[in-house]
Amino acid sequence: MVGKYPVITLCGSTRFKEQFLEAQKRLTLEGNIVISVGLFGHSGDDEVWTEGTKQMLDDMHKRKIDMADSIYVINVGGYIGDSTRSEIEYAMRHGKEVKYLE
């Protein structure tokens, strides 16, 4: 919590870019500080796939989870991939609340 605002980190497959943007907007309007991904590798941000970048971004996302009170999983159609599953497990191990889109 920063001031009176809960901090939420968005997690999920970057193929769901539109749903990330919708969730970010909705959660912000509900009075949350929202931390999201910086690149959408599965939605056209090809820089993600250069050597070492994906590993850096995965580690950086764990640090974003560290900064948050909870995570919000963008699991369209119930889909949760390996990276997202790892983030959920990390959040739970660190006492973060886990919420889901679906």
C-alpha atoms as a PDB file:
ATOM      1  CA  MET A   1       0.000   0.000   0.000  1.00  0.00           C
ATOM      2  CA  VAL A   2       1.294   3.420  -0.909  1.00  0.00           C
ATOM      3  CA  GLY A   3      -0.653   6.002   1.015  1.00  0.00           C
ATOM      4  CA  LYS A   4      -4.222   4.761   0.779  1.00  0.00           C
ATOM      5  CA  TYR A   5      -3.693   3.029  -2.560  1.00  0.00           C
ATOM      6  CA  PRO A   6      -3.161  -0.739  -2.853  1.00  0.00           C
ATOM      7  CA  VAL A   7      -0.444  -1.771  -5.320  1.00  0.00           C
ATOM      8  CA  ILE A   8      -1.306  -4.515  -7.811  1.00  0.00           C
ATOM      9  CA  THR A   9       1.057  -6.171 -10.297  1.00  0.00           C
ATOM     10  CA  LEU A  10      -0.536  -7.608 -13.427  1.00  0.00           C
ATOM     11  CA  CYS A  11       0.612 -11.076 -14.487  1.00  0.00           C
ATOM     12  CA  GLY A  12      -0.318 -13.259 -17.435  1.00  0.00           C
ATOM     13  CA  SER A  13       0.567 -14.124 -20.989  1.00  0.00           C
ATOM     14  CA  THR A  14       1.551 -11.123 -23.058  1.00  0.00           C
ATOM     15  CA  ARG A  15      -0.627 -12.501 -25.862  1.00  0.00           C
ATOM     16  CA  PHE A  16      -3.505 -10.867 -23.938  1.00  0.00           C
ATOM     17  CA  LYS A  17      -2.383  -7.267 -24.512  1.00  0.00           C
ATOM     18  CA  GLU A  18      -5.912  -5.858 -24.813  1.00  0.00           C
ATOM     19  CA  GLN A  19      -6.992  -7.530 -21.573  1.00  0.00           C
ATOM     20  CA  PHE A  20      -3.868  -6.191 -19.812  1.00  0.00           C
ATOM     21  CA  LEU A  21      -4.749  -2.654 -20.924  1.00  0.00           C
ATOM     22  CA  GLU A  22      -8.407  -3.050 -19.933  1.00  0.00           C
ATOM     23  CA  ALA A  23      -7.486  -4.431 -16.486  1.00  0.00           C
ATOM     24  CA  GLN A  24      -4.926  -1.674 -15.947  1.00  0.00           C
ATOM     25  CA  LYS A  25      -7.515   0.993 -16.717  1.00  0.00           C
ATOM     26  CA  ARG A  26     -10.272  -0.576 -14.609  1.00  0.00           C
ATOM     27  CA  LEU A  27      -8.062  -1.283 -11.596  1.00  0.00           C
ATOM     28  CA  THR A  28      -6.588   2.229 -11.742  1.00  0.00           C
ATOM     29  CA  LEU A  29     -10.059   3.790 -11.804  1.00  0.00           C
ATOM     30  CA  GLU A  30     -10.938   1.627  -8.788  1.00  0.00           C
ATOM     31  CA  GLY A  31      -8.149   3.380  -6.848  1.00  0.00           C
ATOM     32  CA  ASN A  32      -5.202   1.017  -7.210  1.00  0.00           C
ATOM     33  CA  ILE A  33      -1.628   1.659  -8.247  1.00  0.00           C
ATOM     34  CA  VAL A  34      -1.112  -0.792 -11.118  1.00  0.00           C
ATOM     35  CA  ILE A  35       2.243  -2.190 -12.206  1.00  0.00           C
ATOM     36  CA  SER A  36       2.210  -3.913 -15.587  1.00  0.00           C
ATOM     37  CA  VAL A  37       4.580  -5.467 -18.081  1.00  0.00           C
ATOM     38  CA  GLY A  38       6.898  -3.235 -20.098  1.00  0.00           C
ATOM     39  CA  LEU A  39       6.774  -5.244 -23.326  1.00  0.00           C
ATOM     40  CA  PHE A  40       4.275  -7.584 -24.949  1.00  0.00           C
ATOM     41  CA  GLY A  41       6.501 -10.254 -26.499  1.00  0.00           C
ATOM     42  CA  HIS A  42       3.632 -12.440 -27.661  1.00  0.00           C
ATOM     43  CA  SER A  43       1.869  -9.411 -29.161  1.00  0.00           C
ATOM     44  CA  GLY A  44       4.628  -8.084 -31.386  1.00  0.00           C
ATOM     45  CA  ASP A  45       7.351  -6.595 -29.176  1.00  0.00           C
ATOM     46  CA  ASP A  46      10.134  -8.645 -30.744  1.00  0.00           C
ATOM     47  CA  GLU A  47      12.849  -7.025 -28.597  1.00  0.00           C
ATOM     48  CA  VAL A  48      11.820  -9.498 -25.877  1.00  0.00           C
ATOM     49  CA  TRP A  49      13.395 -12.340 -27.827  1.00  0.00           C
ATOM     50  CA  THR A  50      16.912 -10.874 -28.095  1.00  0.00           C
ATOM     51  CA  GLU A  51      19.625 -12.655 -26.111  1.00  0.00           C
ATOM     52  CA  GLY A  52      19.246 -12.183 -22.360  1.00  0.00           C
ATOM     53  CA  THR A  53      16.228  -9.873 -22.552  1.00  0.00           C
ATOM     54  CA  LYS A  54      13.519 -12.431 -21.665  1.00  0.00           C
ATOM     55  CA  GLN A  55      15.476 -13.557 -18.600  1.00  0.00           C
ATOM     56  CA  MET A  56      15.959  -9.937 -17.503  1.00  0.00           C
ATOM     57  CA  LEU A  57      12.265  -9.161 -17.964  1.00  0.00           C
ATOM     58  CA  ASP A  58      11.224 -12.290 -16.035  1.00  0.00           C
ATOM     59  CA  ASP A  59      13.479 -11.297 -13.135  1.00  0.00           C
ATOM     60  CA  MET A  60      12.280  -7.701 -13.306  1.00  0.00           C
ATOM     61  CA  HIS A  61       8.672  -8.881 -13.120  1.00  0.00           C
ATOM     62  CA  LYS A  62       9.438 -10.745  -9.886  1.00  0.00           C
ATOM     63  CA  ARG A  63      10.771  -7.453  -8.481  1.00  0.00           C
ATOM     64  CA  LYS A  64       7.480  -5.820  -9.522  1.00  0.00           C
ATOM     65  CA  ILE A  65       5.680  -8.534  -7.547  1.00  0.00           C
ATOM     66  CA  ASP A  66       7.932  -7.714  -4.566  1.00  0.00           C
ATOM     67  CA  MET A  67       6.699  -4.104  -4.734  1.00  0.00           C
ATOM     68  CA  ALA A  68       3.015  -5.080  -4.840  1.00  0.00           C
ATOM     69  CA  ASP A  69       0.417  -5.981  -2.229  1.00  0.00           C
ATOM     70  CA  SER A  70      -1.196  -8.448  -4.620  1.00  0.00           C
ATOM     71  CA  ILE A  71      -1.088  -9.758  -8.163  1.00  0.00           C
ATOM     72  CA  TYR A  72      -3.911  -9.843 -10.682  1.00  0.00           C
ATOM     73  CA  VAL A  73      -3.661 -12.696 -13.155  1.00  0.00           C
ATOM     74  CA  ILE A  74      -4.902 -12.089 -16.698  1.00  0.00           C
ATOM     75  CA  ASN A  75      -5.988 -15.674 -17.413  1.00  0.00           C
ATOM     76  CA  VAL A  76      -8.226 -15.354 -20.470  1.00  0.00           C
ATOM     77  CA  GLY A  77     -10.089 -18.627 -21.041  1.00  0.00           C
ATOM     78  CA  GLY A  78      -8.370 -19.960 -17.918  1.00  0.00           C
ATOM     79  CA  TYR A  79      -4.975 -19.955 -19.676  1.00  0.00           C
ATOM     80  CA  ILE A  80      -1.949 -19.852 -17.376  1.00  0.00           C
ATOM     81  CA  GLY A  81       1.437 -20.539 -18.986  1.00  0.00           C
ATOM     82  CA  ASP A  82       4.693 -21.591 -17.343  1.00  0.00           C
ATOM     83  CA  SER A  83       5.983 -18.057 -16.704  1.00  0.00           C
ATOM     84  CA  THR A  84       2.701 -16.948 -15.174  1.00  0.00           C
ATOM     85  CA  ARG A  85       2.506 -20.104 -13.049  1.00  0.00           C
ATOM     86  CA  SER A  86       6.004 -19.303 -11.779  1.00  0.00           C
ATOM     87  CA  GLU A  87       4.913 -15.748 -10.920  1.00  0.00           C
ATOM     88  CA  ILE A  88       1.830 -17.014  -9.056  1.00  0.00           C
ATOM     89  CA  GLU A  89       3.955 -19.445  -7.032  1.00  0.00           C
ATOM     90  CA  TYR A  90       6.471 -16.674  -6.294  1.00  0.00           C
ATOM     91  CA  ALA A  91       3.714 -14.303  -5.155  1.00  0.00           C
ATOM     92  CA  MET A  92       2.164 -16.928  -2.903  1.00  0.00           C
ATOM     93  CA  ARG A  93       5.536 -17.805  -1.331  1.00  0.00           C
ATOM     94  CA  HIS A  94       5.959 -14.121  -0.508  1.00  0.00           C
ATOM     95  CA  GLY A  95       2.512 -13.702   1.050  1.00  0.00           C
ATOM     96  CA  LYS A  96       0.913 -11.760  -1.795  1.00  0.00           C
ATOM     97  CA  GLU A  97      -2.809 -12.050  -2.474  1.00  0.00           C
ATOM     98  CA  VAL A  98      -3.577 -13.580  -5.875  1.00  0.00           C
ATOM     99  CA  LYS A  99      -6.658 -12.490  -7.820  1.00  0.00           C
ATOM    100  CA  TYR A 100      -7.777 -13.719 -11.240  1.00  0.00           C
ATOM    101  CA  LEU A 101      -9.584 -12.184 -14.193  1.00  0.00           C
ATOM    102  CA  GLU A 102     -11.409 -15.503 -14.716  1.00  0.00           C
END
